[in-house]
């Protein structure tokens, strides 16, 4: 998987997470996840000016995938 493919996955994952979070009631856990998603999004956008190292990129991919799982979990909890 190339760098651009990984970054596309990260960007889409962040967009999906933010959309799901917008649909959930505002509560502390949702706000915390939204703040993390926005911080990760800012990091990705900053890489246009200053490309990350491979380690930074890999770390953000893991963080975003973990965030996505947490968002899905919170969504399931809200439906139950």
N, C-alpha and C. Protein backbone atom coordinates (compact mmCIF):
# COMPACT_ATOMS: atom_id res chain seq x y z
N UNK A 1 0.85 -1.17 0.00
CA UNK A 1 0.00 0.00 0.00
C UNK A 1 0.90 1.23 0.00
N UNK A 2 0.71 2.11 -0.97
CA UNK A 2 1.53 3.30 -1.08
C UNK A 2 1.13 4.38 -0.10
N UNK A 3 1.99 5.39 -0.01
CA UNK A 3 1.75 6.49 0.92
C UNK A 3 0.44 7.19 0.60
N UNK A 4 0.19 7.48 -0.68
CA UNK A 4 -1.04 8.20 -1.02
C UNK A 4 -2.28 7.37 -0.71
N UNK A 5 -2.19 6.06 -0.87
CA UNK A 5 -3.32 5.18 -0.52
C UNK A 5 -3.56 5.22 0.98
N UNK A 6 -2.49 5.13 1.78
CA UNK A 6 -2.65 5.19 3.24
C UNK A 6 -3.25 6.53 3.65
N UNK A 7 -2.77 7.61 3.04
CA UNK A 7 -3.28 8.93 3.42
C UNK A 7 -4.73 9.09 2.98
N UNK A 8 -5.11 8.51 1.87
CA UNK A 8 -6.51 8.54 1.45
C UNK A 8 -7.39 7.80 2.45
N UNK A 9 -6.89 6.67 2.94
CA UNK A 9 -7.63 5.91 3.95
C UNK A 9 -7.76 6.73 5.23
N UNK A 10 -6.69 7.38 5.64
CA UNK A 10 -6.72 8.23 6.84
C UNK A 10 -7.73 9.36 6.66
N UNK A 11 -7.66 10.05 5.55
CA UNK A 11 -8.56 11.18 5.31
C UNK A 11 -10.02 10.72 5.28
N UNK A 12 -10.29 9.61 4.60
CA UNK A 12 -11.67 9.10 4.53
C UNK A 12 -12.15 8.63 5.89
N UNK A 13 -11.27 7.99 6.63
CA UNK A 13 -11.61 7.51 7.97
C UNK A 13 -11.95 8.68 8.89
N UNK A 14 -11.17 9.74 8.81
CA UNK A 14 -11.44 10.93 9.62
C UNK A 14 -12.77 11.56 9.22
N UNK A 15 -13.01 11.67 7.93
CA UNK A 15 -14.28 12.24 7.46
C UNK A 15 -15.46 11.41 7.94
N UNK A 16 -15.34 10.08 7.85
CA UNK A 16 -16.41 9.19 8.32
C UNK A 16 -16.63 9.34 9.82
N UNK A 17 -15.54 9.38 10.58
CA UNK A 17 -15.65 9.52 12.03
C UNK A 17 -16.33 10.83 12.40
N UNK A 18 -15.92 11.92 11.77
CA UNK A 18 -16.52 13.22 12.08
C UNK A 18 -18.00 13.24 11.71
N UNK A 19 -18.36 12.62 10.62
CA UNK A 19 -19.77 12.57 10.23
C UNK A 19 -20.58 11.78 11.26
N UNK A 20 -20.07 10.63 11.67
CA UNK A 20 -20.76 9.82 12.69
C UNK A 20 -20.90 10.60 14.00
N UNK A 21 -19.83 11.30 14.38
CA UNK A 21 -19.85 12.05 15.64
C UNK A 21 -20.86 13.19 15.59
N UNK A 22 -21.03 13.81 14.42
CA UNK A 22 -22.02 14.88 14.29
C UNK A 22 -23.43 14.36 14.51
N UNK A 23 -23.65 13.09 14.22
CA UNK A 23 -24.98 12.49 14.35
C UNK A 23 -25.30 12.06 15.78
N UNK A 24 -24.29 12.03 16.64
CA UNK A 24 -24.48 11.58 18.02
C UNK A 24 -24.79 12.76 18.93
N UNK A 25 -25.53 12.49 20.01
CA UNK A 25 -25.79 13.57 20.98
C UNK A 25 -24.49 14.07 21.60
N UNK A 26 -24.46 15.37 21.86
CA UNK A 26 -23.27 15.96 22.45
C UNK A 26 -23.15 15.52 23.90
N UNK A 27 -22.10 14.78 24.18
CA UNK A 27 -21.81 14.31 25.53
C UNK A 27 -20.29 14.30 25.66
N UNK A 28 -19.77 14.21 26.87
CA UNK A 28 -18.31 14.31 27.04
C UNK A 28 -17.51 13.37 26.15
N UNK A 29 -17.89 12.12 26.06
CA UNK A 29 -17.12 11.15 25.26
C UNK A 29 -17.15 11.52 23.78
N UNK A 30 -18.29 11.94 23.29
CA UNK A 30 -18.42 12.33 21.88
C UNK A 30 -17.58 13.57 21.61
N UNK A 31 -17.62 14.54 22.52
CA UNK A 31 -16.82 15.76 22.34
C UNK A 31 -15.32 15.44 22.34
N UNK A 32 -14.92 14.53 23.23
CA UNK A 32 -13.50 14.14 23.29
C UNK A 32 -13.07 13.47 21.98
N UNK A 33 -13.89 12.59 21.47
CA UNK A 33 -13.56 11.92 20.20
C UNK A 33 -13.55 12.92 19.05
N UNK A 34 -14.48 13.85 19.04
CA UNK A 34 -14.53 14.88 18.00
C UNK A 34 -13.26 15.74 18.04
N UNK A 35 -12.84 16.11 19.25
CA UNK A 35 -11.63 16.92 19.38
C UNK A 35 -10.40 16.16 18.87
N UNK A 36 -10.33 14.86 19.18
CA UNK A 36 -9.22 14.05 18.66
C UNK A 36 -9.25 13.99 17.15
N UNK A 37 -10.43 13.76 16.59
CA UNK A 37 -10.55 13.68 15.13
C UNK A 37 -10.13 14.99 14.48
N UNK A 38 -10.54 16.10 15.05
CA UNK A 38 -10.17 17.40 14.49
C UNK A 38 -8.66 17.64 14.61
N UNK A 39 -8.06 17.21 15.71
CA UNK A 39 -6.61 17.37 15.89
C UNK A 39 -5.86 16.52 14.85
N UNK A 40 -6.33 15.29 14.63
CA UNK A 40 -5.69 14.43 13.62
C UNK A 40 -5.85 15.04 12.23
N UNK A 41 -7.03 15.60 11.97
CA UNK A 41 -7.27 16.23 10.68
C UNK A 41 -6.33 17.42 10.46
N UNK A 42 -6.12 18.21 11.50
CA UNK A 42 -5.18 19.34 11.38
C UNK A 42 -3.77 18.83 11.10
N UNK A 43 -3.39 17.73 11.74
CA UNK A 43 -2.06 17.16 11.51
C UNK A 43 -1.91 16.75 10.05
N UNK A 44 -2.90 16.06 9.52
CA UNK A 44 -2.85 15.62 8.12
C UNK A 44 -2.73 16.83 7.19
N UNK A 45 -3.52 17.86 7.46
CA UNK A 45 -3.49 19.05 6.60
C UNK A 45 -2.13 19.77 6.69
N UNK A 46 -1.50 19.72 7.85
CA UNK A 46 -0.21 20.39 8.00
C UNK A 46 0.88 19.70 7.19
N UNK A 47 0.67 18.44 6.87
CA UNK A 47 1.67 17.68 6.13
C UNK A 47 1.81 18.13 4.70
N UNK A 48 0.87 18.93 4.22
CA UNK A 48 1.00 19.49 2.87
C UNK A 48 2.21 20.42 2.84
N UNK A 49 2.40 21.16 3.93
CA UNK A 49 3.52 22.11 4.02
C UNK A 49 4.80 21.44 4.49
N UNK A 50 4.66 20.46 5.37
CA UNK A 50 5.82 19.82 5.96
C UNK A 50 5.57 18.31 6.05
N UNK A 51 5.99 17.56 5.05
CA UNK A 51 5.71 16.11 5.03
C UNK A 51 6.25 15.41 6.28
N UNK A 52 5.49 14.41 6.77
CA UNK A 52 5.88 13.69 7.98
C UNK A 52 6.93 12.63 7.69
N UNK A 53 7.55 12.17 8.74
CA UNK A 53 8.44 11.02 8.61
C UNK A 53 7.58 9.77 8.47
N UNK A 54 8.18 8.68 8.08
CA UNK A 54 7.44 7.42 7.98
C UNK A 54 6.86 7.02 9.32
N UNK A 55 7.61 7.28 10.40
CA UNK A 55 7.14 6.94 11.74
C UNK A 55 5.91 7.77 12.12
N UNK A 56 5.96 9.06 11.82
CA UNK A 56 4.82 9.93 12.12
C UNK A 56 3.59 9.49 11.34
N UNK A 57 3.80 9.20 10.08
CA UNK A 57 2.69 8.77 9.23
C UNK A 57 2.09 7.47 9.76
N UNK A 58 2.92 6.50 10.08
CA UNK A 58 2.44 5.22 10.60
C UNK A 58 1.71 5.40 11.93
N UNK A 59 2.24 6.25 12.78
CA UNK A 59 1.60 6.49 14.08
C UNK A 59 0.21 7.09 13.88
N UNK A 60 0.08 8.04 12.96
CA UNK A 60 -1.22 8.67 12.74
C UNK A 60 -2.20 7.68 12.13
N UNK A 61 -1.73 6.82 11.25
CA UNK A 61 -2.62 5.81 10.67
C UNK A 61 -3.19 4.94 11.80
N UNK A 62 -2.35 4.51 12.71
CA UNK A 62 -2.83 3.69 13.85
C UNK A 62 -3.82 4.47 14.72
N UNK A 63 -3.48 5.73 15.02
CA UNK A 63 -4.36 6.55 15.86
C UNK A 63 -5.73 6.74 15.20
N UNK A 64 -5.74 7.00 13.92
CA UNK A 64 -7.00 7.24 13.22
C UNK A 64 -7.83 5.96 13.16
N UNK A 65 -7.19 4.84 12.91
CA UNK A 65 -7.94 3.57 12.88
C UNK A 65 -8.50 3.25 14.27
N UNK A 66 -7.73 3.50 15.32
CA UNK A 66 -8.22 3.30 16.69
C UNK A 66 -9.40 4.23 16.98
N UNK A 67 -9.27 5.48 16.56
CA UNK A 67 -10.34 6.46 16.75
C UNK A 67 -11.61 5.97 16.05
N UNK A 68 -11.46 5.51 14.83
CA UNK A 68 -12.61 5.04 14.06
C UNK A 68 -13.32 3.91 14.81
N UNK A 69 -12.57 3.00 15.39
CA UNK A 69 -13.16 1.90 16.15
C UNK A 69 -13.91 2.44 17.38
N UNK A 70 -13.32 3.41 18.06
CA UNK A 70 -13.97 3.99 19.24
C UNK A 70 -15.26 4.70 18.86
N UNK A 71 -15.25 5.40 17.73
CA UNK A 71 -16.45 6.10 17.27
C UNK A 71 -17.56 5.10 16.96
N UNK A 72 -17.20 4.01 16.31
CA UNK A 72 -18.20 2.98 16.01
C UNK A 72 -18.77 2.39 17.30
N UNK A 73 -17.90 2.18 18.28
CA UNK A 73 -18.34 1.64 19.57
C UNK A 73 -19.31 2.58 20.27
N UNK A 74 -18.99 3.87 20.30
CA UNK A 74 -19.87 4.85 20.92
C UNK A 74 -21.20 4.90 20.18
N UNK A 75 -21.15 4.81 18.86
CA UNK A 75 -22.39 4.79 18.07
C UNK A 75 -23.26 3.60 18.41
N UNK A 76 -22.65 2.42 18.56
CA UNK A 76 -23.40 1.22 18.93
C UNK A 76 -24.02 1.39 20.32
N UNK A 77 -23.25 1.95 21.25
CA UNK A 77 -23.76 2.15 22.61
C UNK A 77 -24.97 3.08 22.60
N UNK A 78 -24.98 4.08 21.75
CA UNK A 78 -26.08 5.02 21.68
C UNK A 78 -27.34 4.36 21.09
N UNK A 79 -27.15 3.40 20.22
CA UNK A 79 -28.29 2.70 19.61
C UNK A 79 -28.90 1.68 20.56
N UNK A 80 -28.09 1.13 21.45
CA UNK A 80 -28.57 0.07 22.36
C UNK A 80 -29.42 0.61 23.48
